[in-house]
Structures are given as C-alpha cells and as structure tokens.
Amino acid sequence: MLRKKLFGECIGTATLVGTVVGSGIMATNLSSDLGIDLLINTVATVFILYILITLLAPISGAHFNPLVTAIAYFRKELALPHATLYVISQILGGLLGTVLANLMFEHPAFEPSQHLRNGAHLLLGEVIASAGLIFIIFLALKQGIDKKIPRLVAAWIGAAYFFTSSTSFANPAVTIARSLSDSFSGIDISSVPAFIAAQIVGATLGYAGFKQLTSKSKSGK
C-alpha cells in the first residue's frame, strides 16, 4: 500500500513539473510576449493540477508538495518515516519531470537555470502563494468538501500565477526541480533556498490562519 502511495506521489509530481516546465518551453517557442507565455503556462498548470488531484487523491492523498506532507505529519496523519519517503518521492518525481520536459524539447536533460529570482518582493509573493494554498486545502478538508479540492487548488494556483510577484511556485519539490530548466519557468539554484524558506513561512502562516478560523473558543462560540 505504501509503495502505491509513493509511486503516486512520484508520478504525480513528475507530471506536474513536466507540465510546468514543458509548457514554459513551448510558450517561449510560440511567443516572445511574456504575458502570452505566462497565460500558456498557467492554463496548462491549472488543467494538470485538476486532473492529478482528482485521480491520485484516493491513492496517495495527492500531496505532490513537501509543505502539505509536512503539515500532514504535524497533524499526525503521517508517521515521520512515511512523510520522509513522501518528500523524497516528490523531489525525485519533480527532477524526473524536468528531465523529461527538457528532453522533449531537445534541451539537455540537466540544464541549470540562469533565471535569477531575487528580491524581498518575490519572497513576499511566495509567502502569500504558499499561505493561501495551505489555508485552502485544510479549510476544505475541515468543511468536508474534499471533493472540491482539485478545483479549489487549481483555481488558487491559476490566480496566484498572475497576482503574485513570484508567479506562485509554492512548492519546495517543484522549486528544486525547476532549477534544472533554463527556460521561462526556471529558477537559478542560488534563488532556491530563499524561495523554499519563504514557502515554509507561508505554509506556517496559512495553517495558523486556518486554525485561528476553525478552532473553538473556550466559551464554545
């Protein structure tokens, strides 16, 4: 059973990253307009998120994201060994997705990105994107509308691609994987640690906000 879950996380993250990177490369091949490139990248990502979460949630929970897995561990929904294997599967899957996308478009399998993403404004964007993602997922679970999570997550990420300064990475495994694509969707490896730190801060704030909204006061109100 665990093997199936890990395979689901690996193949799901690989498909997600392959879509993000592949659509980014295709977008720049088709247009030199950054707005059009972002739109193409967004549409592809939204569609694949809906598909993957819908199909793989019953198998692995469809985390595809160490932030979600870490909070599941914090909530005692996953034991530490299982959570660790989930994260490893997500990272390996993300790397596989990047390699396959690169090869599809005749790029080197490993092509370190030169796309620097530095600045406090971009990190703030990652905090917001990650906070919103975690808040939405766990609030939906709390409200018993988990069947709507595929649409809710896809909608949030699609919106955040456009309204956040960072274009919403919101996922450490995806961030690491995208450092190996020197394309529209890539990120220079030197920018990765700060992005991941911002994502962790955002996830923490998002979960804290969820708890604040849903916890009962001592009076029961």
C-alpha atoms as a PDB file:
ATOM      1  CA  MET A   1       0.000   0.000   0.000  1.00  0.00           C
ATOM      2  CA  LEU A   2       2.800   2.416   0.896  1.00  0.00           C
ATOM      3  CA  ARG A   3       4.581   1.576  -2.344  1.00  0.00           C
ATOM      4  CA  LYS A   4       1.498   2.581  -4.325  1.00  0.00           C
ATOM      5  CA  LYS A   5       1.262   5.843  -2.406  1.00  0.00           C
ATOM      6  CA  LEU A   6       4.908   6.675  -3.021  1.00  0.00           C
ATOM      7  CA  PHE A   7       4.589   5.841  -6.701  1.00  0.00           C
ATOM      8  CA  GLY A   8       1.510   8.063  -6.879  1.00  0.00           C
ATOM      9  CA  GLU A   9       3.419  10.955  -5.303  1.00  0.00           C
ATOM     10  CA  CYS A  10       6.394  10.419  -7.592  1.00  0.00           C
ATOM     11  CA  ILE A  11       4.472  10.117 -10.853  1.00  0.00           C
ATOM     12  CA  GLY A  12       2.092  12.904  -9.856  1.00  0.00           C
ATOM     13  CA  THR A  13       4.878  15.357  -9.067  1.00  0.00           C
ATOM     14  CA  ALA A  14       6.738  14.312 -12.218  1.00  0.00           C
ATOM     15  CA  THR A  15       3.676  15.008 -14.339  1.00  0.00           C
ATOM     16  CA  LEU A  16       3.045  18.328 -12.625  1.00  0.00           C
ATOM     17  CA  VAL A  17       6.623  19.537 -13.093  1.00  0.00           C
ATOM     18  CA  GLY A  18       6.785  18.159 -16.611  1.00  0.00           C
ATOM     19  CA  THR A  19       3.712  20.200 -17.451  1.00  0.00           C
ATOM     20  CA  VAL A  20       5.033  23.379 -15.828  1.00  0.00           C
ATOM     21  CA  VAL A  21       8.441  23.139 -17.488  1.00  0.00           C
ATOM     22  CA  GLY A  22       7.218  21.773 -20.802  1.00  0.00           C
ATOM     23  CA  SER A  23       4.505  24.383 -21.226  1.00  0.00           C
ATOM     24  CA  GLY A  24       7.036  27.066 -20.288  1.00  0.00           C
ATOM     25  CA  ILE A  25       9.384  25.938 -23.042  1.00  0.00           C
ATOM     26  CA  MET A  26       6.539  25.613 -25.532  1.00  0.00           C
ATOM     27  CA  ALA A  27       5.279  29.073 -24.625  1.00  0.00           C
ATOM     28  CA  THR A  28       8.604  30.741 -25.395  1.00  0.00           C
ATOM     29  CA  ASN A  29       8.820  28.762 -28.642  1.00  0.00           C
ATOM     30  CA  LEU A  30       5.426  30.097 -29.685  1.00  0.00           C
ATOM     31  CA  SER A  31       5.588  33.696 -28.494  1.00  0.00           C
ATOM     32  CA  SER A  32       8.017  36.375 -27.352  1.00  0.00           C
ATOM     33  CA  ASP A  33       5.232  38.085 -25.390  1.00  0.00           C
ATOM     34  CA  LEU A  34       5.739  37.395 -21.677  1.00  0.00           C
ATOM     35  CA  GLY A  35       2.049  37.841 -20.971  1.00  0.00           C
ATOM     36  CA  ILE A  36       1.133  35.163 -23.502  1.00  0.00           C
ATOM     37  CA  ASP A  37       3.878  32.919 -22.147  1.00  0.00           C
ATOM     38  CA  LEU A  38       2.504  33.239 -18.619  1.00  0.00           C
ATOM     39  CA  LEU A  39      -1.035  32.556 -19.821  1.00  0.00           C
ATOM     40  CA  ILE A  40       0.016  29.371 -21.620  1.00  0.00           C
ATOM     41  CA  ASN A  41       1.974  28.216 -18.576  1.00  0.00           C
ATOM     42  CA  THR A  42      -0.962  28.967 -16.279  1.00  0.00           C
ATOM     43  CA  VAL A  43      -3.617  27.198 -18.339  1.00  0.00           C
ATOM     44  CA  ALA A  44      -1.526  24.039 -18.660  1.00  0.00           C
ATOM     45  CA  THR A  45      -0.754  24.005 -14.928  1.00  0.00           C
ATOM     46  CA  VAL A  46      -4.371  24.552 -13.887  1.00  0.00           C
ATOM     47  CA  PHE A  47      -5.606  21.723 -16.097  1.00  0.00           C
ATOM     48  CA  ILE A  48      -2.991  19.212 -14.951  1.00  0.00           C
ATOM     49  CA  LEU A  49      -3.496  20.048 -11.266  1.00  0.00           C
ATOM     50  CA  TYR A  50      -7.206  19.316 -11.565  1.00  0.00           C
ATOM     51  CA  ILE A  51      -6.545  16.008 -13.313  1.00  0.00           C
ATOM     52  CA  LEU A  52      -3.792  14.829 -10.986  1.00  0.00           C
ATOM     53  CA  ILE A  53      -5.505  15.714  -7.710  1.00  0.00           C
ATOM     54  CA  THR A  54      -8.798  14.182  -8.844  1.00  0.00           C
ATOM     55  CA  LEU A  55      -7.222  10.887  -9.895  1.00  0.00           C
ATOM     56  CA  LEU A  56      -4.469  10.440  -7.313  1.00  0.00           C
ATOM     57  CA  ALA A  57      -6.076  11.812  -4.142  1.00  0.00           C
ATOM     58  CA  PRO A  58      -7.758   8.438  -3.430  1.00  0.00           C
ATOM     59  CA  ILE A  59      -4.380   6.688  -3.793  1.00  0.00           C
ATOM     60  CA  SER A  60      -1.750   8.870  -2.115  1.00  0.00           C
ATOM     61  CA  GLY A  61      -3.634  11.941  -0.947  1.00  0.00           C
ATOM     62  CA  ALA A  62      -2.198  13.855  -3.921  1.00  0.00           C
ATOM     63  CA  HIS A  63       0.204  15.956  -1.882  1.00  0.00           C
ATOM     64  CA  PHE A  64       2.850  16.479  -4.601  1.00  0.00           C
ATOM     65  CA  ASN A  65       4.248  19.083  -2.208  1.00  0.00           C
ATOM     66  CA  PRO A  66       6.506  18.778   0.865  1.00  0.00           C
ATOM     67  CA  LEU A  67       4.593  21.626   2.510  1.00  0.00           C
ATOM     68  CA  VAL A  68       1.375  19.602   2.502  1.00  0.00           C
ATOM     69  CA  THR A  69       3.218  16.492   3.646  1.00  0.00           C
ATOM     70  CA  ALA A  70       4.931  18.352   6.496  1.00  0.00           C
ATOM     71  CA  ILE A  71       1.629  19.634   7.815  1.00  0.00           C
ATOM     72  CA  ALA A  72       0.074  16.175   7.471  1.00  0.00           C
ATOM     73  CA  TYR A  73       2.933  14.921   9.662  1.00  0.00           C
ATOM     74  CA  PHE A  74       2.380  17.775  12.136  1.00  0.00           C
ATOM     75  CA  ARG A  75      -1.298  16.767  12.313  1.00  0.00           C
ATOM     76  CA  LYS A  76      -0.190  13.158  12.985  1.00  0.00           C
ATOM     77  CA  GLU A  77      -1.798  11.967   9.766  1.00  0.00           C
ATOM     78  CA  LEU A  78       1.552  10.562   8.591  1.00  0.00           C
ATOM     79  CA  ALA A  79       4.333   8.917  10.575  1.00  0.00           C
ATOM     80  CA  LEU A  80       7.758  10.519  10.194  1.00  0.00           C
ATOM     81  CA  PRO A  81       9.246   7.647   8.123  1.00  0.00           C
ATOM     82  CA  HIS A  82       6.299   7.763   5.722  1.00  0.00           C
ATOM     83  CA  ALA A  83       6.385  11.557   5.498  1.00  0.00           C
ATOM     84  CA  THR A  84      10.110  11.422   4.730  1.00  0.00           C
ATOM     85  CA  LEU A  85       9.536   8.902   1.944  1.00  0.00           C
ATOM     86  CA  TYR A  86       6.735  11.075   0.570  1.00  0.00           C
ATOM     87  CA  VAL A  87       9.064  14.072   0.331  1.00  0.00           C
ATOM     88  CA  ILE A  88      11.826  12.020  -1.282  1.00  0.00           C
ATOM     89  CA  SER A  89       9.333  10.674  -3.826  1.00  0.00           C
ATOM     90  CA  GLN A  90       8.125  14.194  -4.583  1.00  0.00           C
ATOM     91  CA  ILE A  91      11.639  15.542  -5.121  1.00  0.00           C
ATOM     92  CA  LEU A  92      12.675  12.602  -7.311  1.00  0.00           C
ATOM     93  CA  GLY A  93       9.445  12.895  -9.269  1.00  0.00           C
ATOM     94  CA  GLY A  94       9.992  16.602  -9.784  1.00  0.00           C
ATOM     95  CA  LEU A  95      13.508  16.015 -11.104  1.00  0.00           C
ATOM     96  CA  LEU A  96      12.208  13.310 -13.437  1.00  0.00           C
ATOM     97  CA  GLY A  97       9.538  15.669 -14.752  1.00  0.00           C
ATOM     98  CA  THR A  98      12.103  18.350 -15.534  1.00  0.00           C
ATOM     99  CA  VAL A  99      14.414  15.897 -17.309  1.00  0.00           C
ATOM    100  CA  LEU A 100      11.580  14.552 -19.468  1.00  0.00           C
ATOM    101  CA  ALA A 101      10.354  18.042 -20.353  1.00  0.00           C
ATOM    102  CA  ASN A 102      13.872  19.146 -21.272  1.00  0.00           C
ATOM    103  CA  LEU A 103      14.411  16.096 -23.472  1.00  0.00           C
ATOM    104  CA  MET A 104      11.052  16.509 -25.215  1.00  0.00           C
ATOM    105  CA  PHE A 105      12.150  19.924 -26.442  1.00  0.00           C
ATOM    106  CA  GLU A 106      15.711  18.860 -27.315  1.00  0.00           C
ATOM    107  CA  HIS A 107      17.274  20.601 -24.339  1.00  0.00           C
ATOM    108  CA  PRO A 108      19.993  18.971 -22.230  1.00  0.00           C
ATOM    109  CA  ALA A 109      18.487  16.624 -19.642  1.00  0.00           C
ATOM    110  CA  PHE A 110      20.005  18.729 -16.859  1.00  0.00           C
ATOM    111  CA  GLU A 111      20.081  22.392 -17.834  1.00  0.00           C
ATOM    112  CA  PRO A 112      20.802  24.617 -14.806  1.00  0.00           C
ATOM    113  CA  SER A 113      18.623  27.710 -14.911  1.00  0.00           C
ATOM    114  CA  GLN A 114      20.156  31.172 -15.201  1.00  0.00           C
ATOM    115  CA  HIS A 115      16.869  32.831 -14.222  1.00  0.00           C
ATOM    116  CA  LEU A 116      17.635  34.737 -11.026  1.00  0.00           C
ATOM    117  CA  ARG A 117      14.592  35.344  -8.851  1.00  0.00           C
ATOM    118  CA  ASN A 118      15.898  37.582  -6.084  1.00  0.00           C
ATOM    119  CA  GLY A 119      14.273  40.295  -4.006  1.00  0.00           C
ATOM    120  CA  ALA A 120      12.046  40.680  -0.974  1.00  0.00           C
ATOM    121  CA  HIS A 121       9.036  41.370  -3.201  1.00  0.00           C
ATOM    122  CA  LEU A 122       9.347  37.914  -4.808  1.00  0.00           C
ATOM    123  CA  LEU A 123       9.734  36.235  -1.429  1.00  0.00           C
ATOM    124  CA  LEU A 124       6.605  38.005  -0.209  1.00  0.00           C
ATOM    125  CA  GLY A 125       4.834  36.614  -3.255  1.00  0.00           C
ATOM    126  CA  GLU A 126       5.917  33.103  -2.265  1.00  0.00           C
ATOM    127  CA  VAL A 127       4.755  33.604   1.315  1.00  0.00           C
ATOM    128  CA  ILE A 128       1.322  34.657   0.085  1.00  0.00           C
ATOM    129  CA  ALA A 129       1.046  31.905  -2.532  1.00  0.00           C
ATOM    130  CA  SER A 130       2.033  29.187  -0.057  1.00  0.00           C
ATOM    131  CA  ALA A 131      -0.140  30.534   2.752  1.00  0.00           C
ATOM    132  CA  GLY A 132      -3.194  30.619   0.526  1.00  0.00           C
ATOM    133  CA  LEU A 133      -2.591  27.111  -0.782  1.00  0.00           C
ATOM    134  CA  ILE A 134      -2.300  25.546   2.667  1.00  0.00           C
ATOM    135  CA  PHE A 135      -5.209  27.567   4.042  1.00  0.00           C
ATOM    136  CA  ILE A 136      -7.486  26.451   1.206  1.00  0.00           C
ATOM    137  CA  ILE A 137      -6.565  22.766   1.376  1.00  0.00           C
ATOM    138  CA  PHE A 138      -7.055  22.330   5.101  1.00  0.00           C
ATOM    139  CA  LEU A 139     -10.127  24.528   5.320  1.00  0.00           C
ATOM    140  CA  ALA A 140     -11.751  22.459   2.585  1.00  0.00           C
ATOM    141  CA  LEU A 141     -10.886  19.265   4.458  1.00  0.00           C
ATOM    142  CA  LYS A 142     -12.283  20.710   7.683  1.00  0.00           C
ATOM    143  CA  GLN A 143     -15.527  21.656   5.947  1.00  0.00           C
ATOM    144  CA  GLY A 144     -15.878  18.205   4.435  1.00  0.00           C
ATOM    145  CA  ILE A 145     -15.682  19.434   0.864  1.00  0.00           C
ATOM    146  CA  ASP A 146     -12.587  17.462  -0.074  1.00  0.00           C
ATOM    147  CA  LYS A 147     -14.185  16.552  -3.423  1.00  0.00           C
ATOM    148  CA  LYS A 148     -13.818  20.213  -4.366  1.00  0.00           C
ATOM    149  CA  ILE A 149     -10.104  20.388  -3.540  1.00  0.00           C
ATOM    150  CA  PRO A 150      -8.988  19.678  -7.138  1.00  0.00           C
ATOM    151  CA  ARG A 151     -10.931  22.708  -8.357  1.00  0.00           C
ATOM    152  CA  LEU A 152     -10.001  24.890  -5.404  1.00  0.00           C
ATOM    153  CA  VAL A 153      -6.267  24.202  -5.634  1.00  0.00           C
ATOM    154  CA  ALA A 154      -6.211  24.583  -9.412  1.00  0.00           C
ATOM    155  CA  ALA A 155      -8.129  27.853  -9.138  1.00  0.00           C
ATOM    156  CA  TRP A 156      -5.830  29.245  -6.440  1.00  0.00           C
ATOM    157  CA  ILE A 157      -2.641  28.372  -8.293  1.00  0.00           C
ATOM    158  CA  GLY A 158      -4.057  29.739 -11.539  1.00  0.00           C
ATOM    159  CA  ALA A 159      -4.954  33.012  -9.872  1.00  0.00           C
ATOM    160  CA  ALA A 160      -1.672  33.201  -7.954  1.00  0.00           C
ATOM    161  CA  TYR A 161       0.339  32.734 -11.156  1.00  0.00           C
ATOM    162  CA  PHE A 162      -0.995  36.136 -12.145  1.00  0.00           C
ATOM    163  CA  PHE A 163      -1.400  38.086  -8.921  1.00  0.00           C
ATOM    164  CA  THR A 164       1.794  37.135  -7.067  1.00  0.00           C
ATOM    165  CA  SER A 165       5.122  38.692  -7.991  1.00  0.00           C
ATOM    166  CA  SER A 166       6.821  35.283  -7.883  1.00  0.00           C
ATOM    167  CA  THR A 167       4.245  33.554 -10.149  1.00  0.00           C
ATOM    168  CA  SER A 168       3.457  31.153  -7.319  1.00  0.00           C
ATOM    169  CA  PHE A 169       5.946  28.306  -7.024  1.00  0.00           C
ATOM    170  CA  ALA A 170       4.508  27.425  -3.571  1.00  0.00           C
ATOM    171  CA  ASN A 171       6.199  24.013  -3.539  1.00  0.00           C
ATOM    172  CA  PRO A 172       9.769  23.123  -2.483  1.00  0.00           C
ATOM    173  CA  ALA A 173       9.949  19.978  -4.646  1.00  0.00           C
ATOM    174  CA  VAL A 174       8.791  21.874  -7.728  1.00  0.00           C
ATOM    175  CA  THR A 175      11.165  24.740  -6.934  1.00  0.00           C
ATOM    176  CA  ILE A 176      14.156  22.403  -6.761  1.00  0.00           C
ATOM    177  CA  ALA A 177      13.149  20.684  -9.993  1.00  0.00           C
ATOM    178  CA  ARG A 178      12.676  23.948 -11.868  1.00  0.00           C
ATOM    179  CA  SER A 179      16.274  24.919 -11.098  1.00  0.00           C
ATOM    180  CA  LEU A 180      17.294  22.383 -13.759  1.00  0.00           C
ATOM    181  CA  SER A 181      15.383  24.078 -16.572  1.00  0.00           C
ATOM    182  CA  ASP A 182      16.917  27.133 -18.206  1.00  0.00           C
ATOM    183  CA  SER A 183      13.567  28.247 -19.541  1.00  0.00           C
ATOM    184  CA  PHE A 184      10.667  30.599 -18.845  1.00  0.00           C
ATOM    185  CA  SER A 185       9.688  28.554 -15.787  1.00  0.00           C
ATOM    186  CA  GLY A 186      13.206  28.053 -14.412  1.00  0.00           C
ATOM    187  CA  ILE A 187      14.849  29.425 -11.294  1.00  0.00           C
ATOM    188  CA  ASP A 188      18.567  29.835 -10.637  1.00  0.00           C
ATOM    189  CA  ILE A 189      19.774  27.444  -7.949  1.00  0.00           C
ATOM    190  CA  SER A 190      21.065  30.382  -5.897  1.00  0.00           C
ATOM    191  CA  SER A 191      17.481  31.659  -5.573  1.00  0.00           C
ATOM    192  CA  VAL A 192      16.086  28.317  -4.421  1.00  0.00           C
ATOM    193  CA  PRO A 193      16.945  28.387  -0.665  1.00  0.00           C
ATOM    194  CA  ALA A 194      15.254  31.750  -0.078  1.00  0.00           C
ATOM    195  CA  PHE A 195      12.199  30.656  -2.074  1.00  0.00           C
ATOM    196  CA  ILE A 196      11.861  27.482  -0.031  1.00  0.00           C
ATOM    197  CA  ALA A 197      12.281  29.421   3.224  1.00  0.00           C
ATOM    198  CA  ALA A 198       9.526  31.811   2.124  1.00  0.00           C
ATOM    199  CA  GLN A 199       7.299  28.864   1.241  1.00  0.00           C
ATOM    200  CA  ILE A 200       7.793  27.348   4.685  1.00  0.00           C
ATOM    201  CA  VAL A 201       6.926  30.667   6.325  1.00  0.00           C
ATOM    202  CA  GLY A 202       3.854  30.962   4.124  1.00  0.00           C
ATOM    203  CA  ALA A 203       2.698  27.419   4.865  1.00  0.00           C
ATOM    204  CA  THR A 204       3.091  28.046   8.591  1.00  0.00           C
ATOM    205  CA  LEU A 205       1.076  31.256   8.382  1.00  0.00           C
ATOM    206  CA  GLY A 206      -1.566  29.621   6.214  1.00  0.00           C
ATOM    207  CA  TYR A 207      -2.034  26.775   8.660  1.00  0.00           C
ATOM    208  CA  ALA A 208      -2.069  29.170  11.611  1.00  0.00           C
ATOM    209  CA  GLY A 209      -4.766  31.175   9.868  1.00  0.00           C
ATOM    210  CA  PHE A 210      -6.776  28.020   9.257  1.00  0.00           C
ATOM    211  CA  LYS A 211      -6.523  27.034  12.927  1.00  0.00           C
ATOM    212  CA  GLN A 212      -7.482  30.513  14.080  1.00  0.00           C
ATOM    213  CA  LEU A 213     -10.574  30.456  11.894  1.00  0.00           C
ATOM    214  CA  THR A 214     -11.728  26.966  12.838  1.00  0.00           C
ATOM    215  CA  SER A 215     -10.679  26.454  16.462  1.00  0.00           C
ATOM    216  CA  LYS A 216     -13.365  26.709  19.109  1.00  0.00           C
ATOM    217  CA  SER A 217     -13.019  29.315  21.829  1.00  0.00           C
ATOM    218  CA  LYS A 218     -13.253  28.343  25.493  1.00  0.00           C
ATOM    219  CA  SER A 219     -16.824  29.584  25.547  1.00  0.00           C
ATOM    220  CA  GLY A 220     -17.647  27.298  22.630  1.00  0.00           C
ATOM    221  CA  LYS A 221     -18.540  30.177  20.337  1.00  0.00           C
END
